[in-house]
Amino acid sequence: MHRQHLIDTISQAVNTALQANQPFDEATVAPLREQDSALYDQIMAAYHAAAHPTTFYQVPIWQPDDRFEQAYALLEHTFTPDVLDPRRNFVDYLRDLTGPPDDFVILGRFWRASGRHTYTPAGELAQFAFDPLVSTESIAAVIVGEYISLAAYTGQPVGLGGISYLATRPALRRGQGHGTALTDALETAMRTCAAHNGETLSYMVLESESRARHYWAKKGYRYPRDSRYVQPPLAYDPQTGVPILNPAPETFMLKFMDAATPPAIDRDELLLLVRAIYENQYCPTLPTSAATERVRHYVLDTLFGQFAESIAGPGQQVDLIWPPAAED
């Protein structure tokens, strides 16, 4: 009985502090160590591991399983519906896979703690439950990327890797390196995707929200000067092709992967990259050919044309620069 009493007493003290949003003061339960020092130390070690995880591991996600559900929940807490692909699109794609795909990557960064614990969406411990017979696996961060072959556009065996989403739980963002670990891992995975397709990864590209531009610039990504880029709508009326959602303004950024990123890029080369992204990621096939063509016209003529008009003119180069500050 004394064993369960010790577990219950310490757990209650921890959870009382958590519910009050106060730091747990171990001194309040330290006298209990005299009852059973080994058990006390085991409980406290479990608490510290649950409250302040330090060991993380990366897992590729290619099935609609519990890890995917955690990953998508984190994306939902991070991105608005106008920029986040619906869950059903992910599930429909993953459900048909029999192995890891060679053109699409989801990487989750997880930690595991002994016990049955509950965490807030931000990643803070909300309920501590000591139980050596079970463990709780939780996601810290997730990254999603897609490989696009450029062979049809360039006539060369090259491709680009697109970073679709990167999200880290707020409580785990400061100085723990989750974003860097996942970004580096995704770039490596994109090289592998290119190799599987008999190609070379020449570019990495992304659509950045303003709050993330500085982070991506530190990772070597650059902004084409004066460019005005929008993420095309993610949903259309299936019968008419009329957008259901609005296009979302983003900052287009890129990095060369087979050479150092130059200070400028040829206008035509930049337009080729954006067109490949628009055509491969944002032109869905709808139930009617008329609806499909309406979407293609909107994305590849209207939106792509607006991007082309925003950059330097034909025959010129576009400077690749550090992006504007978030408040700009």
C-alpha atoms as a PDB file:
ATOM      1  CA  MET A   1       0.000   0.000   0.000  1.00  0.00           C
ATOM      2  CA  HIS A   2       2.795   2.416   0.822  1.00  0.00           C
ATOM      3  CA  ARG A   3       4.056   2.106  -2.764  1.00  0.00           C
ATOM      4  CA  GLN A   4       0.767   3.229  -4.331  1.00  0.00           C
ATOM      5  CA  HIS A   5       0.350   5.912  -1.671  1.00  0.00           C
ATOM      6  CA  LEU A   6       3.751   7.345  -2.543  1.00  0.00           C
ATOM      7  CA  ILE A   7       2.931   7.303  -6.261  1.00  0.00           C
ATOM      8  CA  ASP A   8      -0.453   8.950  -5.697  1.00  0.00           C
ATOM      9  CA  THR A   9       0.882  11.614  -3.340  1.00  0.00           C
ATOM     10  CA  ILE A  10       3.695  12.734  -5.625  1.00  0.00           C
ATOM     11  CA  SER A  11       1.500  12.579  -8.732  1.00  0.00           C
ATOM     12  CA  GLN A  12      -1.168  14.687  -7.048  1.00  0.00           C
ATOM     13  CA  ALA A  13       1.410  17.298  -6.044  1.00  0.00           C
ATOM     14  CA  VAL A  14       2.757  17.450  -9.589  1.00  0.00           C
ATOM     15  CA  ASN A  15      -0.687  17.707 -11.171  1.00  0.00           C
ATOM     16  CA  THR A  16      -1.882  20.340  -8.720  1.00  0.00           C
ATOM     17  CA  ALA A  17       1.017  22.534  -9.807  1.00  0.00           C
ATOM     18  CA  LEU A  18       0.383  21.804 -13.480  1.00  0.00           C
ATOM     19  CA  GLN A  19      -3.313  22.665 -13.193  1.00  0.00           C
ATOM     20  CA  ALA A  20      -2.420  25.937 -11.497  1.00  0.00           C
ATOM     21  CA  ASN A  21       0.082  26.660 -14.279  1.00  0.00           C
ATOM     22  CA  GLN A  22       2.819  26.874 -11.671  1.00  0.00           C
ATOM     23  CA  PRO A  23       6.272  25.260 -11.670  1.00  0.00           C
ATOM     24  CA  PHE A  24       6.402  22.104  -9.589  1.00  0.00           C
ATOM     25  CA  ASP A  25       8.529  22.548  -6.464  1.00  0.00           C
ATOM     26  CA  GLU A  26      10.156  19.213  -5.701  1.00  0.00           C
ATOM     27  CA  ALA A  27      10.936  20.396  -2.178  1.00  0.00           C
ATOM     28  CA  THR A  28       7.255  19.945  -1.304  1.00  0.00           C
ATOM     29  CA  VAL A  29       7.540  16.172  -1.690  1.00  0.00           C
ATOM     30  CA  ALA A  30      11.230  15.639  -0.880  1.00  0.00           C
ATOM     31  CA  PRO A  31      10.511  14.310   2.666  1.00  0.00           C
ATOM     32  CA  LEU A  32       8.674  11.375   1.063  1.00  0.00           C
ATOM     33  CA  ARG A  33      11.999  10.031  -0.182  1.00  0.00           C
ATOM     34  CA  GLU A  34      12.596   8.572   3.260  1.00  0.00           C
ATOM     35  CA  GLN A  35       9.718   6.131   2.712  1.00  0.00           C
ATOM     36  CA  ASP A  36      11.218   4.475  -0.386  1.00  0.00           C
ATOM     37  CA  SER A  37      14.198   6.218  -1.948  1.00  0.00           C
ATOM     38  CA  ALA A  38      14.386   3.944  -5.006  1.00  0.00           C
ATOM     39  CA  LEU A  39      10.724   4.428  -5.897  1.00  0.00           C
ATOM     40  CA  TYR A  40      10.881   8.142  -5.158  1.00  0.00           C
ATOM     41  CA  ASP A  41      13.849   8.565  -7.485  1.00  0.00           C
ATOM     42  CA  GLN A  42      12.074   6.536 -10.171  1.00  0.00           C
ATOM     43  CA  ILE A  43       8.960   8.721  -9.973  1.00  0.00           C
ATOM     44  CA  MET A  44      10.941  11.941 -10.070  1.00  0.00           C
ATOM     45  CA  ALA A  45      13.043  10.742 -13.000  1.00  0.00           C
ATOM     46  CA  ALA A  46       9.830   9.911 -14.866  1.00  0.00           C
ATOM     47  CA  TYR A  47       8.437  13.370 -14.097  1.00  0.00           C
ATOM     48  CA  HIS A  48      11.529  15.211 -15.304  1.00  0.00           C
ATOM     49  CA  ALA A  49      11.680  13.118 -18.485  1.00  0.00           C
ATOM     50  CA  ALA A  50       8.008  13.841 -19.160  1.00  0.00           C
ATOM     51  CA  ALA A  51       8.129  17.547 -18.326  1.00  0.00           C
ATOM     52  CA  HIS A  52      11.485  18.346 -19.912  1.00  0.00           C
ATOM     53  CA  PRO A  53      12.256  15.838 -22.680  1.00  0.00           C
ATOM     54  CA  THR A  54      15.812  15.886 -23.977  1.00  0.00           C
ATOM     55  CA  THR A  55      15.985  12.870 -26.279  1.00  0.00           C
ATOM     56  CA  PHE A  56      14.194  12.954 -29.615  1.00  0.00           C
ATOM     57  CA  TYR A  57      14.063  10.754 -32.690  1.00  0.00           C
ATOM     58  CA  GLN A  58      12.857  11.158 -36.261  1.00  0.00           C
ATOM     59  CA  VAL A  59      10.395   8.843 -37.956  1.00  0.00           C
ATOM     60  CA  PRO A  60       9.219   8.812 -41.588  1.00  0.00           C
ATOM     61  CA  ILE A  61       5.425   8.787 -41.738  1.00  0.00           C
ATOM     62  CA  TRP A  62       3.794   7.116 -44.712  1.00  0.00           C
ATOM     63  CA  GLN A  63       0.733   5.456 -43.204  1.00  0.00           C
ATOM     64  CA  PRO A  64      -2.450   7.084 -41.787  1.00  0.00           C
ATOM     65  CA  ASP A  65      -1.610   5.871 -38.282  1.00  0.00           C
ATOM     66  CA  ASP A  66      -1.343   7.424 -34.808  1.00  0.00           C
ATOM     67  CA  ARG A  67       1.880   9.210 -35.720  1.00  0.00           C
ATOM     68  CA  PHE A  68       0.212  10.755 -38.738  1.00  0.00           C
ATOM     69  CA  GLU A  69      -2.708  11.914 -36.585  1.00  0.00           C
ATOM     70  CA  GLN A  70      -0.283  13.635 -34.204  1.00  0.00           C
ATOM     71  CA  ALA A  71       1.562  15.197 -37.132  1.00  0.00           C
ATOM     72  CA  TYR A  72      -1.586  16.538 -38.762  1.00  0.00           C
ATOM     73  CA  ALA A  73      -2.934  17.837 -35.448  1.00  0.00           C
ATOM     74  CA  LEU A  74       0.279  19.842 -35.050  1.00  0.00           C
ATOM     75  CA  LEU A  75      -0.089  21.211 -38.583  1.00  0.00           C
ATOM     76  CA  GLU A  76      -3.685  22.224 -37.794  1.00  0.00           C
ATOM     77  CA  HIS A  77      -2.514  24.093 -34.699  1.00  0.00           C
ATOM     78  CA  THR A  78       0.118  25.914 -36.755  1.00  0.00           C
ATOM     79  CA  PHE A  79      -1.422  26.731 -40.142  1.00  0.00           C
ATOM     80  CA  THR A  80      -4.705  28.259 -41.239  1.00  0.00           C
ATOM     81  CA  PRO A  81      -7.090  26.313 -43.529  1.00  0.00           C
ATOM     82  CA  ASP A  82      -6.272  28.463 -46.554  1.00  0.00           C
ATOM     83  CA  VAL A  83      -2.672  27.168 -46.613  1.00  0.00           C
ATOM     84  CA  LEU A  84      -3.051  23.675 -45.112  1.00  0.00           C
ATOM     85  CA  ASP A  85      -4.075  20.764 -47.307  1.00  0.00           C
ATOM     86  CA  PRO A  86      -7.180  19.045 -45.902  1.00  0.00           C
ATOM     87  CA  ARG A  87      -6.605  15.960 -43.784  1.00  0.00           C
ATOM     88  CA  ARG A  88      -8.576  13.794 -46.202  1.00  0.00           C
ATOM     89  CA  ASN A  89      -6.085  14.568 -48.989  1.00  0.00           C
ATOM     90  CA  PHE A  90      -3.247  13.213 -46.878  1.00  0.00           C
ATOM     91  CA  VAL A  91      -5.238  10.187 -45.737  1.00  0.00           C
ATOM     92  CA  ASP A  92      -6.422   9.290 -49.242  1.00  0.00           C
ATOM     93  CA  TYR A  93      -2.847   9.440 -50.507  1.00  0.00           C
ATOM     94  CA  LEU A  94      -1.248   7.536 -47.628  1.00  0.00           C
ATOM     95  CA  ARG A  95      -3.928   4.845 -47.538  1.00  0.00           C
ATOM     96  CA  ASP A  96      -2.944   3.604 -50.997  1.00  0.00           C
ATOM     97  CA  LEU A  97       0.781   3.306 -50.280  1.00  0.00           C
ATOM     98  CA  THR A  98       2.480  -0.064 -49.809  1.00  0.00           C
ATOM     99  CA  GLY A  99       5.844   1.459 -48.904  1.00  0.00           C
ATOM    100  CA  PRO A 100       7.571   4.825 -48.523  1.00  0.00           C
ATOM    101  CA  PRO A 101       6.939   6.946 -51.648  1.00  0.00           C
ATOM    102  CA  ASP A 102       9.824   8.304 -53.722  1.00  0.00           C
ATOM    103  CA  ASP A 103       8.362  11.779 -54.246  1.00  0.00           C
ATOM    104  CA  PHE A 104       6.693  12.724 -50.964  1.00  0.00           C
ATOM    105  CA  VAL A 105       8.080  12.865 -47.426  1.00  0.00           C
ATOM    106  CA  ILE A 106       6.598  13.429 -43.983  1.00  0.00           C
ATOM    107  CA  LEU A 107       9.087  13.355 -41.119  1.00  0.00           C
ATOM    108  CA  GLY A 108       7.974  13.519 -37.506  1.00  0.00           C
ATOM    109  CA  ARG A 109      10.271  14.293 -34.581  1.00  0.00           C
ATOM    110  CA  PHE A 110       9.076  12.535 -31.420  1.00  0.00           C
ATOM    111  CA  TRP A 111       9.957  11.889 -27.807  1.00  0.00           C
ATOM    112  CA  ARG A 112       8.880   9.071 -25.555  1.00  0.00           C
ATOM    113  CA  ALA A 113       8.343   9.226 -21.786  1.00  0.00           C
ATOM    114  CA  SER A 114       7.601   6.448 -19.322  1.00  0.00           C
ATOM    115  CA  GLY A 115       4.048   6.766 -18.016  1.00  0.00           C
ATOM    116  CA  ARG A 116       0.633   7.742 -19.330  1.00  0.00           C
ATOM    117  CA  HIS A 117       0.831  11.511 -19.717  1.00  0.00           C
ATOM    118  CA  THR A 118      -1.188  14.262 -21.377  1.00  0.00           C
ATOM    119  CA  TYR A 119       0.283  17.335 -23.070  1.00  0.00           C
ATOM    120  CA  THR A 120      -1.173  20.660 -24.142  1.00  0.00           C
ATOM    121  CA  PRO A 121      -1.187  21.471 -27.869  1.00  0.00           C
ATOM    122  CA  ALA A 122       1.815  23.704 -27.155  1.00  0.00           C
ATOM    123  CA  GLY A 123       3.752  20.695 -25.880  1.00  0.00           C
ATOM    124  CA  GLU A 124       3.654  21.405 -22.147  1.00  0.00           C
ATOM    125  CA  LEU A 125       2.970  18.614 -19.669  1.00  0.00           C
ATOM    126  CA  ALA A 126      -0.685  18.863 -18.590  1.00  0.00           C
ATOM    127  CA  GLN A 127      -1.232  15.625 -16.640  1.00  0.00           C
ATOM    128  CA  PHE A 128       1.433  13.390 -15.118  1.00  0.00           C
ATOM    129  CA  ALA A 129       0.645   9.705 -14.570  1.00  0.00           C
ATOM    130  CA  PHE A 130       3.454   7.470 -13.339  1.00  0.00           C
ATOM    131  CA  ASP A 131       3.226   3.972 -14.788  1.00  0.00           C
ATOM    132  CA  PRO A 132       6.381   2.021 -15.721  1.00  0.00           C
ATOM    133  CA  LEU A 133       4.301  -0.456 -17.724  1.00  0.00           C
ATOM    134  CA  VAL A 134       3.342   2.057 -20.420  1.00  0.00           C
ATOM    135  CA  SER A 135       4.952   4.932 -22.269  1.00  0.00           C
ATOM    136  CA  THR A 136       3.668   8.039 -24.020  1.00  0.00           C
ATOM    137  CA  GLU A 137       4.959   9.016 -27.461  1.00  0.00           C
ATOM    138  CA  SER A 138       4.469  12.658 -28.421  1.00  0.00           C
ATOM    139  CA  ILE A 139       5.357  14.712 -31.458  1.00  0.00           C
ATOM    140  CA  ALA A 140       7.694  17.683 -31.133  1.00  0.00           C
ATOM    141  CA  ALA A 141       7.858  18.806 -34.764  1.00  0.00           C
ATOM    142  CA  VAL A 142       6.904  17.773 -38.283  1.00  0.00           C
ATOM    143  CA  ILE A 143       8.061  18.624 -41.790  1.00  0.00           C
ATOM    144  CA  VAL A 144       6.376  17.815 -45.101  1.00  0.00           C
ATOM    145  CA  GLY A 145       8.043  17.946 -48.507  1.00  0.00           C
ATOM    146  CA  GLU A 146       7.542  16.896 -52.096  1.00  0.00           C
ATOM    147  CA  TYR A 147       9.957  16.091 -54.909  1.00  0.00           C
ATOM    148  CA  ILE A 148       9.154  17.416 -58.392  1.00  0.00           C
ATOM    149  CA  SER A 149      11.022  16.288 -61.491  1.00  0.00           C
ATOM    150  CA  LEU A 150      12.019  19.110 -63.812  1.00  0.00           C
ATOM    151  CA  ALA A 151      12.925  16.825 -66.710  1.00  0.00           C
ATOM    152  CA  ALA A 152       9.819  17.805 -68.670  1.00  0.00           C
ATOM    153  CA  TYR A 153      10.680  21.491 -68.219  1.00  0.00           C
ATOM    154  CA  THR A 154      14.454  21.473 -68.717  1.00  0.00           C
ATOM    155  CA  GLY A 155      15.182  18.317 -70.681  1.00  0.00           C
ATOM    156  CA  GLN A 156      17.731  17.473 -67.992  1.00  0.00           C
ATOM    157  CA  PRO A 157      17.599  14.813 -65.219  1.00  0.00           C
ATOM    158  CA  VAL A 158      17.178  17.330 -62.408  1.00  0.00           C
ATOM    159  CA  GLY A 159      14.490  18.146 -59.895  1.00  0.00           C
ATOM    160  CA  LEU A 160      13.444  20.352 -57.023  1.00  0.00           C
ATOM    161  CA  GLY A 161      12.434  19.624 -53.481  1.00  0.00           C
ATOM    162  CA  GLY A 162       9.588  21.649 -52.075  1.00  0.00           C
ATOM    163  CA  ILE A 163       9.141  22.231 -48.354  1.00  0.00           C
ATOM    164  CA  SER A 164       5.399  22.355 -47.845  1.00  0.00           C
ATOM    165  CA  TYR A 165       5.153  22.670 -44.057  1.00  0.00           C
ATOM    166  CA  LEU A 166       7.387  22.851 -40.993  1.00  0.00           C
ATOM    167  CA  ALA A 167       5.806  23.053 -37.541  1.00  0.00           C
ATOM    168  CA  THR A 168       7.200  22.796 -34.015  1.00  0.00           C
ATOM    169  CA  ARG A 169       5.191  22.820 -30.801  1.00  0.00           C
ATOM    170  CA  PRO A 170       5.629  26.255 -29.175  1.00  0.00           C
ATOM    171  CA  ALA A 171       7.002  24.957 -25.870  1.00  0.00           C
ATOM    172  CA  LEU A 172       9.773  23.169 -27.769  1.00  0.00           C
ATOM    173  CA  ARG A 173      10.848  25.923 -30.160  1.00  0.00           C
ATOM    174  CA  ARG A 174      13.634  27.713 -28.369  1.00  0.00           C
ATOM    175  CA  GLY A 175      17.122  26.447 -29.067  1.00  0.00           C
ATOM    176  CA  GLN A 176      16.352  22.734 -29.206  1.00  0.00           C
ATOM    177  CA  GLY A 177      17.144  22.410 -32.896  1.00  0.00           C
ATOM    178  CA  HIS A 178      14.004  20.605 -34.023  1.00  0.00           C
ATOM    179  CA  GLY A 179      13.513  22.777 -37.096  1.00  0.00           C
ATOM    180  CA  THR A 180      17.148  22.462 -38.129  1.00  0.00           C
ATOM    181  CA  ALA A 181      17.170  18.697 -37.604  1.00  0.00           C
ATOM    182  CA  LEU A 182      14.053  18.222 -39.710  1.00  0.00           C
ATOM    183  CA  THR A 183      15.100  20.683 -42.423  1.00  0.00           C
ATOM    184  CA  ASP A 184      18.458  18.952 -42.825  1.00  0.00           C
ATOM    185  CA  ALA A 185      16.772  15.546 -42.829  1.00  0.00           C
ATOM    186  CA  LEU A 186      14.252  16.618 -45.458  1.00  0.00           C
ATOM    187  CA  GLU A 187      16.939  18.021 -47.738  1.00  0.00           C
ATOM    188  CA  THR A 188      18.735  14.673 -47.462  1.00  0.00           C
ATOM    189  CA  ALA A 189      15.475  12.841 -48.165  1.00  0.00           C
ATOM    190  CA  MET A 190      14.894  14.978 -51.250  1.00  0.00           C
ATOM    191  CA  ARG A 191      18.338  14.016 -52.555  1.00  0.00           C
ATOM    192  CA  THR A 192      17.327  10.391 -52.058  1.00  0.00           C
ATOM    193  CA  CYS A 193      14.066  10.969 -53.930  1.00  0.00           C
ATOM    194  CA  ALA A 194      16.008  12.497 -56.809  1.00  0.00           C
ATOM    195  CA  ALA A 195      18.399   9.539 -56.898  1.00  0.00           C
ATOM    196  CA  HIS A 196      15.481   7.083 -56.925  1.00  0.00           C
ATOM    197  CA  ASN A 197      14.219   8.890 -60.023  1.00  0.00           C
ATOM    198  CA  GLY A 198      17.645   8.862 -61.688  1.00  0.00           C
ATOM    199  CA  GLU A 199      17.974  12.607 -61.210  1.00  0.00           C
ATOM    200  CA  THR A 200      19.923  15.214 -59.272  1.00  0.00           C
ATOM    201  CA  LEU A 201      18.399  17.564 -56.712  1.00  0.00           C
ATOM    202  CA  SER A 202      19.177  21.041 -58.039  1.00  0.00           C
ATOM    203  CA  TYR A 203      16.893  23.258 -55.949  1.00  0.00           C
ATOM    204  CA  MET A 204      15.008  23.449 -52.687  1.00  0.00           C
ATOM    205  CA  VAL A 205      12.051  25.837 -52.631  1.00  0.00           C
ATOM    206  CA  LEU A 206       9.396  26.885 -50.150  1.00  0.00           C
ATOM    207  CA  GLU A 207       6.498  29.223 -49.517  1.00  0.00           C
ATOM    208  CA  SER A 208       7.150  31.096 -46.283  1.00  0.00           C
ATOM    209  CA  GLU A 209       4.804  32.935 -43.991  1.00  0.00           C
ATOM    210  CA  SER A 210       6.208  36.287 -42.872  1.00  0.00           C
ATOM    211  CA  ARG A 211       7.013  35.060 -39.360  1.00  0.00           C
ATOM    212  CA  ALA A 212       9.305  32.323 -40.721  1.00  0.00           C
ATOM    213  CA  ARG A 213      11.254  34.267 -43.352  1.00  0.00           C
ATOM    214  CA  HIS A 214      14.194  35.052 -41.077  1.00  0.00           C
ATOM    215  CA  TYR A 215      14.530  31.395 -40.084  1.00  0.00           C
ATOM    216  CA  TRP A 216      14.629  30.234 -43.694  1.00  0.00           C
ATOM    217  CA  ALA A 217      17.097  32.933 -44.661  1.00  0.00           C
ATOM    218  CA  LYS A 218      19.441  31.680 -41.942  1.00  0.00           C
ATOM    219  CA  LYS A 219      19.145  28.231 -43.522  1.00  0.00           C
ATOM    220  CA  GLY A 220      20.419  29.610 -46.835  1.00  0.00           C
ATOM    221  CA  TYR A 221      17.129  30.289 -48.636  1.00  0.00           C
ATOM    222  CA  ARG A 222      16.805  33.529 -50.585  1.00  0.00           C
ATOM    223  CA  TYR A 223      13.977  35.746 -51.810  1.00  0.00           C
ATOM    224  CA  PRO A 224      13.703  36.843 -55.462  1.00  0.00           C
ATOM    225  CA  ARG A 225      13.723  40.621 -55.246  1.00  0.00           C
ATOM    226  CA  ASP A 226      10.318  42.317 -55.615  1.00  0.00           C
ATOM    227  CA  SER A 227       8.524  39.036 -56.306  1.00  0.00           C
ATOM    228  CA  ARG A 228       4.879  38.787 -55.278  1.00  0.00           C
ATOM    229  CA  TYR A 229       3.891  35.176 -54.876  1.00  0.00           C
ATOM    230  CA  VAL A 230       0.628  33.578 -53.831  1.00  0.00           C
ATOM    231  CA  GLN A 231      -0.169  30.017 -52.906  1.00  0.00           C
ATOM    232  CA  PRO A 232      -3.046  29.066 -55.211  1.00  0.00           C
ATOM    233  CA  PRO A 233      -6.339  27.997 -53.615  1.00  0.00           C
ATOM    234  CA  LEU A 234      -6.442  24.521 -52.114  1.00  0.00           C
ATOM    235  CA  ALA A 235     -10.130  23.911 -52.852  1.00  0.00           C
ATOM    236  CA  TYR A 236     -12.402  24.421 -55.845  1.00  0.00           C
ATOM    237  CA  ASP A 237     -16.004  23.668 -56.683  1.00  0.00           C
ATOM    238  CA  PRO A 238     -15.670  20.208 -58.263  1.00  0.00           C
ATOM    239  CA  GLN A 239     -18.226  20.907 -60.982  1.00  0.00           C
ATOM    240  CA  THR A 240     -17.347  24.458 -61.966  1.00  0.00           C
ATOM    241  CA  GLY A 241     -13.705  24.901 -60.969  1.00  0.00           C
ATOM    242  CA  VAL A 242     -14.522  28.132 -59.133  1.00  0.00           C
ATOM    243  CA  PRO A 243     -12.180  28.640 -56.146  1.00  0.00           C
ATOM    244  CA  ILE A 244     -13.727  27.931 -52.745  1.00  0.00           C
ATOM    245  CA  LEU A 245     -10.752  29.409 -50.894  1.00  0.00           C
ATOM    246  CA  ASN A 246      -8.756  32.519 -51.733  1.00  0.00           C
ATOM    247  CA  PRO A 247      -5.113  32.422 -52.821  1.00  0.00           C
ATOM    248  CA  ALA A 248      -2.770  33.055 -49.895  1.00  0.00           C
ATOM    249  CA  PRO A 249       0.090  35.564 -50.184  1.00  0.00           C
ATOM    250  CA  GLU A 250       3.392  33.914 -49.260  1.00  0.00           C
ATOM    251  CA  THR A 251       7.095  34.624 -49.690  1.00  0.00           C
ATOM    252  CA  PHE A 252       8.702  32.374 -52.296  1.00  0.00           C
ATOM    253  CA  MET A 253      12.261  31.398 -51.332  1.00  0.00           C
ATOM    254  CA  LEU A 254      14.802  29.063 -52.889  1.00  0.00           C
ATOM    255  CA  LYS A 255      18.222  27.523 -52.424  1.00  0.00           C
ATOM    256  CA  PHE A 256      20.525  25.904 -54.971  1.00  0.00           C
ATOM    257  CA  MET A 257      21.543  22.382 -53.983  1.00  0.00           C
ATOM    258  CA  ASP A 258      24.145  21.358 -56.586  1.00  0.00           C
ATOM    259  CA  ALA A 259      26.133  24.595 -56.250  1.00  0.00           C
ATOM    260  CA  ALA A 260      26.334  27.657 -54.031  1.00  0.00           C
ATOM    261  CA  THR A 261      23.247  29.844 -54.304  1.00  0.00           C
ATOM    262  CA  PRO A 262      24.213  32.711 -56.642  1.00  0.00           C
ATOM    263  CA  PRO A 263      23.421  36.380 -55.975  1.00  0.00           C
ATOM    264  CA  ALA A 264      20.940  36.364 -58.864  1.00  0.00           C
ATOM    265  CA  ILE A 265      18.945  33.929 -60.992  1.00  0.00           C
ATOM    266  CA  ASP A 266      17.902  34.138 -64.636  1.00  0.00           C
ATOM    267  CA  ARG A 267      14.298  35.260 -64.937  1.00  0.00           C
ATOM    268  CA  ASP A 268      13.374  32.290 -67.116  1.00  0.00           C
ATOM    269  CA  GLU A 269      14.941  29.842 -64.659  1.00  0.00           C
ATOM    270  CA  LEU A 270      12.932  31.312 -61.787  1.00  0.00           C
ATOM    271  CA  LEU A 271       9.711  31.232 -63.791  1.00  0.00           C
ATOM    272  CA  LEU A 272      10.349  27.599 -64.675  1.00  0.00           C
ATOM    273  CA  LEU A 273      10.553  26.689 -60.980  1.00  0.00           C
ATOM    274  CA  VAL A 274       7.360  28.514 -60.060  1.00  0.00           C
ATOM    275  CA  ARG A 275       5.466  27.082 -63.018  1.00  0.00           C
ATOM    276  CA  ALA A 276       6.568  23.548 -62.100  1.00  0.00           C
ATOM    277  CA  ILE A 277       5.292  24.059 -58.559  1.00  0.00           C
ATOM    278  CA  TYR A 278       1.992  25.547 -59.687  1.00  0.00           C
ATOM    279  CA  GLU A 279       1.390  22.855 -62.282  1.00  0.00           C
ATOM    280  CA  ASN A 280       2.351  19.869 -60.122  1.00  0.00           C
ATOM    281  CA  GLN A 281       0.954  20.938 -56.759  1.00  0.00           C
ATOM    282  CA  TYR A 282      -1.953  23.259 -57.460  1.00  0.00           C
ATOM    283  CA  CYS A 283      -3.737  22.019 -60.588  1.00  0.00           C
ATOM    284  CA  PRO A 284      -6.018  19.202 -59.420  1.00  0.00           C
ATOM    285  CA  THR A 285      -7.978  17.023 -61.801  1.00  0.00           C
ATOM    286  CA  LEU A 286     -11.678  17.690 -61.170  1.00  0.00           C
ATOM    287  CA  PRO A 287     -14.728  15.590 -62.202  1.00  0.00           C
ATOM    288  CA  THR A 288     -15.311  17.566 -65.393  1.00  0.00           C
ATOM    289  CA  SER A 289     -12.767  18.605 -68.000  1.00  0.00           C
ATOM    290  CA  ALA A 290     -14.238  22.101 -68.066  1.00  0.00           C
ATOM    291  CA  ALA A 291     -13.666  22.536 -64.336  1.00  0.00           C
ATOM    292  CA  THR A 292     -10.133  21.179 -64.625  1.00  0.00           C
ATOM    293  CA  GLU A 293      -9.304  23.567 -67.454  1.00  0.00           C
ATOM    294  CA  ARG A 294     -10.781  26.492 -65.554  1.00  0.00           C
ATOM    295  CA  VAL A 295      -8.473  25.772 -62.625  1.00  0.00           C
ATOM    296  CA  ARG A 296      -5.445  25.431 -64.904  1.00  0.00           C
ATOM    297  CA  HIS A 297      -6.238  28.737 -66.588  1.00  0.00           C
ATOM    298  CA  TYR A 298      -6.623  30.472 -63.233  1.00  0.00           C
ATOM    299  CA  VAL A 299      -3.418  29.041 -61.762  1.00  0.00           C
ATOM    300  CA  LEU A 300      -1.116  28.889 -64.791  1.00  0.00           C
ATOM    301  CA  ASP A 301      -2.299  32.030 -66.567  1.00  0.00           C
ATOM    302  CA  THR A 302      -3.731  34.436 -63.995  1.00  0.00           C
ATOM    303  CA  LEU A 303      -1.727  33.700 -60.834  1.00  0.00           C
ATOM    304  CA  PHE A 304       1.458  32.693 -62.620  1.00  0.00           C
ATOM    305  CA  GLY A 305       1.161  35.767 -64.816  1.00  0.00           C
ATOM    306  CA  GLN A 306       0.906  38.001 -61.760  1.00  0.00           C
ATOM    307  CA  PHE A 307       4.104  36.501 -60.371  1.00  0.00           C
ATOM    308  CA  ALA A 308       5.895  36.971 -63.697  1.00  0.00           C
ATOM    309  CA  GLU A 309       4.857  40.630 -63.813  1.00  0.00           C
ATOM    310  CA  SER A 310       6.265  41.254 -60.332  1.00  0.00           C
ATOM    311  CA  ILE A 311       9.880  40.374 -61.176  1.00  0.00           C
ATOM    312  CA  ALA A 312      12.511  41.779 -63.538  1.00  0.00           C
ATOM    313  CA  GLY A 313      11.649  41.831 -67.222  1.00  0.00           C
ATOM    314  CA  PRO A 314      12.505  39.353 -69.995  1.00  0.00           C
ATOM    315  CA  GLY A 315      16.191  38.628 -70.452  1.00  0.00           C
ATOM    316  CA  GLN A 316      17.110  40.036 -67.052  1.00  0.00           C
ATOM    317  CA  GLN A 317      18.322  38.471 -63.853  1.00  0.00           C
ATOM    318  CA  VAL A 318      16.451  38.558 -60.559  1.00  0.00           C
ATOM    319  CA  ASP A 319      18.478  39.298 -57.446  1.00  0.00           C
ATOM    320  CA  LEU A 320      18.318  36.657 -54.713  1.00  0.00           C
ATOM    321  CA  ILE A 321      18.355  38.537 -51.439  1.00  0.00           C
ATOM    322  CA  TRP A 322      17.652  38.263 -47.728  1.00  0.00           C
ATOM    323  CA  PRO A 323      13.846  38.535 -47.424  1.00  0.00           C
ATOM    324  CA  PRO A 324      12.072  41.617 -46.091  1.00  0.00           C
ATOM    325  CA  ALA A 325      11.578  41.832 -42.341  1.00  0.00           C
ATOM    326  CA  ALA A 326       8.371  40.315 -41.013  1.00  0.00           C
ATOM    327  CA  GLU A 327       6.790  43.704 -40.411  1.00  0.00           C
ATOM    328  CA  ASP A 328       7.301  44.810 -44.025  1.00  0.00           C
END
